Amino acid sequence: MKQALSNVPVSLTVGFIYWLQEHHDMRGLKDLDITKYPARLKELQEEYNSKYPQGLTGWSTLASV
């Protein structure tokens, strides 16, 4: 079981992580049984990719000093 969960492919971009933590329960992950993580992460990633195909926009970058 541990090995199966540790091999769940998820694209962890900064935008995706930010989007997850926007909600106090991490969009349902916080209280979810760990065995249901793979399916829920896949659903969340599909939702994020459909809403933000170019990732989150409006981020500013720091200029080189």
N, C-alpha and C. Protein backbone atom coordinates (compact mmCIF):
# COMPACT_ATOMS: atom_id res chain seq x y z
N MET A 1 0.82 -1.20 0.00
CA MET A 1 0.00 0.00 0.00
C MET A 1 0.87 1.26 0.00
N LYS A 2 1.88 1.32 0.88
CA LYS A 2 2.73 2.51 0.94
C LYS A 2 3.40 2.76 -0.39
N GLN A 3 3.90 1.69 -1.02
CA GLN A 3 4.60 1.86 -2.29
C GLN A 3 3.64 2.37 -3.37
N ALA A 4 2.43 1.86 -3.38
CA ALA A 4 1.45 2.31 -4.37
C ALA A 4 1.14 3.79 -4.20
N LEU A 5 1.00 4.23 -2.96
CA LEU A 5 0.71 5.64 -2.70
C LEU A 5 1.91 6.52 -2.98
N SER A 6 3.10 6.02 -2.75
CA SER A 6 4.29 6.85 -2.96
C SER A 6 4.62 7.03 -4.44
N ASN A 7 3.99 6.25 -5.31
CA ASN A 7 4.26 6.34 -6.74
C ASN A 7 3.14 7.02 -7.51
N VAL A 8 2.28 7.76 -6.83
CA VAL A 8 1.18 8.46 -7.49
C VAL A 8 1.77 9.63 -8.27
N PRO A 9 1.59 9.64 -9.60
CA PRO A 9 2.15 10.75 -10.39
C PRO A 9 1.28 12.00 -10.29
N VAL A 10 1.87 13.07 -9.80
CA VAL A 10 1.17 14.34 -9.67
C VAL A 10 2.15 15.44 -10.07
N SER A 11 1.69 16.35 -10.87
CA SER A 11 2.53 17.48 -11.26
C SER A 11 2.39 18.55 -10.19
N LEU A 12 3.39 18.66 -9.36
CA LEU A 12 3.34 19.61 -8.25
C LEU A 12 4.01 20.92 -8.63
N THR A 13 3.25 21.76 -9.26
CA THR A 13 3.75 23.09 -9.57
C THR A 13 3.41 24.00 -8.40
N VAL A 14 4.07 25.12 -8.33
CA VAL A 14 3.77 26.08 -7.27
C VAL A 14 2.31 26.52 -7.37
N GLY A 15 1.84 26.72 -8.58
CA GLY A 15 0.44 27.12 -8.78
C GLY A 15 -0.54 26.08 -8.28
N PHE A 16 -0.25 24.80 -8.53
CA PHE A 16 -1.14 23.72 -8.09
C PHE A 16 -1.15 23.66 -6.56
N ILE A 17 0.00 23.75 -5.94
CA ILE A 17 0.07 23.72 -4.47
C ILE A 17 -0.67 24.91 -3.88
N TYR A 18 -0.47 26.09 -4.45
CA TYR A 18 -1.17 27.29 -3.98
C TYR A 18 -2.68 27.10 -4.12
N TRP A 19 -3.11 26.58 -5.25
CA TRP A 19 -4.54 26.36 -5.51
C TRP A 19 -5.13 25.38 -4.51
N LEU A 20 -4.38 24.32 -4.16
CA LEU A 20 -4.85 23.35 -3.17
C LEU A 20 -5.04 24.00 -1.80
N GLN A 21 -4.07 24.78 -1.38
CA GLN A 21 -4.11 25.33 -0.02
C GLN A 21 -5.01 26.55 0.12
N GLU A 22 -5.61 27.01 -0.97
CA GLU A 22 -6.54 28.14 -0.89
C GLU A 22 -7.72 27.85 0.03
N HIS A 23 -8.09 26.59 0.14
CA HIS A 23 -9.21 26.18 0.99
C HIS A 23 -8.67 25.52 2.25
N HIS A 24 -9.32 25.75 3.36
CA HIS A 24 -8.83 25.26 4.66
C HIS A 24 -8.67 23.74 4.70
N ASP A 25 -9.42 23.01 3.88
CA ASP A 25 -9.32 21.54 3.89
C ASP A 25 -8.55 21.00 2.69
N MET A 26 -7.80 21.88 2.02
CA MET A 26 -7.02 21.51 0.83
C MET A 26 -7.90 20.82 -0.21
N ARG A 27 -9.07 21.41 -0.42
CA ARG A 27 -10.03 20.91 -1.41
C ARG A 27 -10.44 19.47 -1.16
N GLY A 28 -10.59 19.12 0.12
CA GLY A 28 -11.07 17.81 0.50
C GLY A 28 -9.99 16.80 0.84
N LEU A 29 -8.72 17.15 0.68
CA LEU A 29 -7.64 16.20 0.97
C LEU A 29 -7.36 16.06 2.46
N LYS A 30 -7.58 17.11 3.21
CA LYS A 30 -7.20 17.12 4.63
C LYS A 30 -7.83 15.99 5.43
N ASP A 31 -9.09 15.75 5.24
CA ASP A 31 -9.81 14.74 6.03
C ASP A 31 -10.08 13.46 5.26
N LEU A 32 -9.48 13.32 4.09
CA LEU A 32 -9.71 12.15 3.25
C LEU A 32 -8.85 10.97 3.72
N ASP A 33 -9.40 9.79 3.64
CA ASP A 33 -8.65 8.59 3.94
C ASP A 33 -7.49 8.47 2.94
N ILE A 34 -6.32 8.14 3.44
CA ILE A 34 -5.13 8.14 2.60
C ILE A 34 -5.23 7.18 1.41
N THR A 35 -6.02 6.14 1.54
CA THR A 35 -6.16 5.20 0.42
C THR A 35 -6.93 5.81 -0.75
N LYS A 36 -7.62 6.91 -0.51
CA LYS A 36 -8.39 7.58 -1.56
C LYS A 36 -7.62 8.74 -2.19
N TYR A 37 -6.41 9.01 -1.70
CA TYR A 37 -5.59 10.10 -2.23
C TYR A 37 -5.32 10.01 -3.73
N PRO A 38 -4.90 8.84 -4.25
CA PRO A 38 -4.58 8.81 -5.69
C PRO A 38 -5.73 9.27 -6.58
N ALA A 39 -6.92 8.78 -6.33
CA ALA A 39 -8.07 9.15 -7.16
C ALA A 39 -8.41 10.63 -6.97
N ARG A 40 -8.38 11.10 -5.73
CA ARG A 40 -8.74 12.50 -5.46
C ARG A 40 -7.69 13.45 -6.04
N LEU A 41 -6.41 13.11 -5.92
CA LEU A 41 -5.37 13.96 -6.51
C LEU A 41 -5.50 14.04 -8.02
N LYS A 42 -5.85 12.91 -8.63
CA LYS A 42 -6.05 12.91 -10.09
C LYS A 42 -7.21 13.82 -10.46
N GLU A 43 -8.31 13.74 -9.71
CA GLU A 43 -9.47 14.60 -9.96
C GLU A 43 -9.10 16.07 -9.81
N LEU A 44 -8.38 16.37 -8.73
CA LEU A 44 -8.00 17.76 -8.48
C LEU A 44 -7.05 18.29 -9.55
N GLN A 45 -6.12 17.45 -9.98
CA GLN A 45 -5.20 17.89 -11.01
C GLN A 45 -5.93 18.14 -12.32
N GLU A 46 -6.89 17.28 -12.66
CA GLU A 46 -7.69 17.48 -13.87
C GLU A 46 -8.50 18.77 -13.78
N GLU A 47 -9.08 19.03 -12.61
CA GLU A 47 -9.85 20.26 -12.41
C GLU A 47 -8.95 21.49 -12.55
N TYR A 48 -7.79 21.45 -11.90
CA TYR A 48 -6.84 22.57 -11.97
C TYR A 48 -6.40 22.80 -13.42
N ASN A 49 -6.05 21.72 -14.13
CA ASN A 49 -5.59 21.86 -15.51
C ASN A 49 -6.68 22.38 -16.44
N SER A 50 -7.93 22.03 -16.17
CA SER A 50 -9.02 22.53 -17.02
C SER A 50 -9.31 24.00 -16.73
N LYS A 51 -9.20 24.42 -15.47
CA LYS A 51 -9.45 25.82 -15.12
C LYS A 51 -8.27 26.71 -15.47
N TYR A 52 -7.07 26.19 -15.34
CA TYR A 52 -5.86 26.99 -15.55
C TYR A 52 -4.90 26.25 -16.47
N PRO A 53 -5.23 26.13 -17.76
CA PRO A 53 -4.37 25.38 -18.68
C PRO A 53 -2.97 25.98 -18.82
N GLN A 54 -2.83 27.26 -18.57
CA GLN A 54 -1.52 27.92 -18.63
C GLN A 54 -0.93 28.10 -17.24
N GLY A 55 -1.52 27.45 -16.24
CA GLY A 55 -1.09 27.66 -14.86
C GLY A 55 -1.74 28.94 -14.33
N LEU A 56 -1.45 29.26 -13.10
CA LEU A 56 -1.99 30.49 -12.53
C LEU A 56 -1.28 31.67 -13.18
N THR A 57 -2.03 32.68 -13.53
CA THR A 57 -1.43 33.86 -14.16
C THR A 57 -1.50 35.02 -13.19
N GLY A 58 -0.79 36.05 -13.51
CA GLY A 58 -0.80 37.23 -12.66
C GLY A 58 0.29 37.23 -11.63
N TRP A 59 1.19 36.24 -11.69
CA TRP A 59 2.31 36.18 -10.76
C TRP A 59 3.34 37.21 -11.20
N SER A 60 3.93 37.87 -10.27
CA SER A 60 5.01 38.79 -10.61
C SER A 60 6.34 38.14 -10.27
N THR A 61 7.34 38.49 -11.01
CA THR A 61 8.67 37.95 -10.73
C THR A 61 9.54 39.05 -10.16
N LEU A 62 10.48 38.66 -9.34
CA LEU A 62 11.38 39.63 -8.76
C LEU A 62 12.44 39.98 -9.79
N ALA A 63 12.71 41.25 -9.92
CA ALA A 63 13.74 41.69 -10.85
C ALA A 63 15.12 41.39 -10.26
N SER A 64 16.06 41.10 -11.12
CA SER A 64 17.43 40.88 -10.66
C SER A 64 17.98 42.16 -10.09
N VAL A 65 18.68 42.03 -9.02
CA VAL A 65 19.24 43.22 -8.37
C VAL A 65 20.67 43.37 -8.76
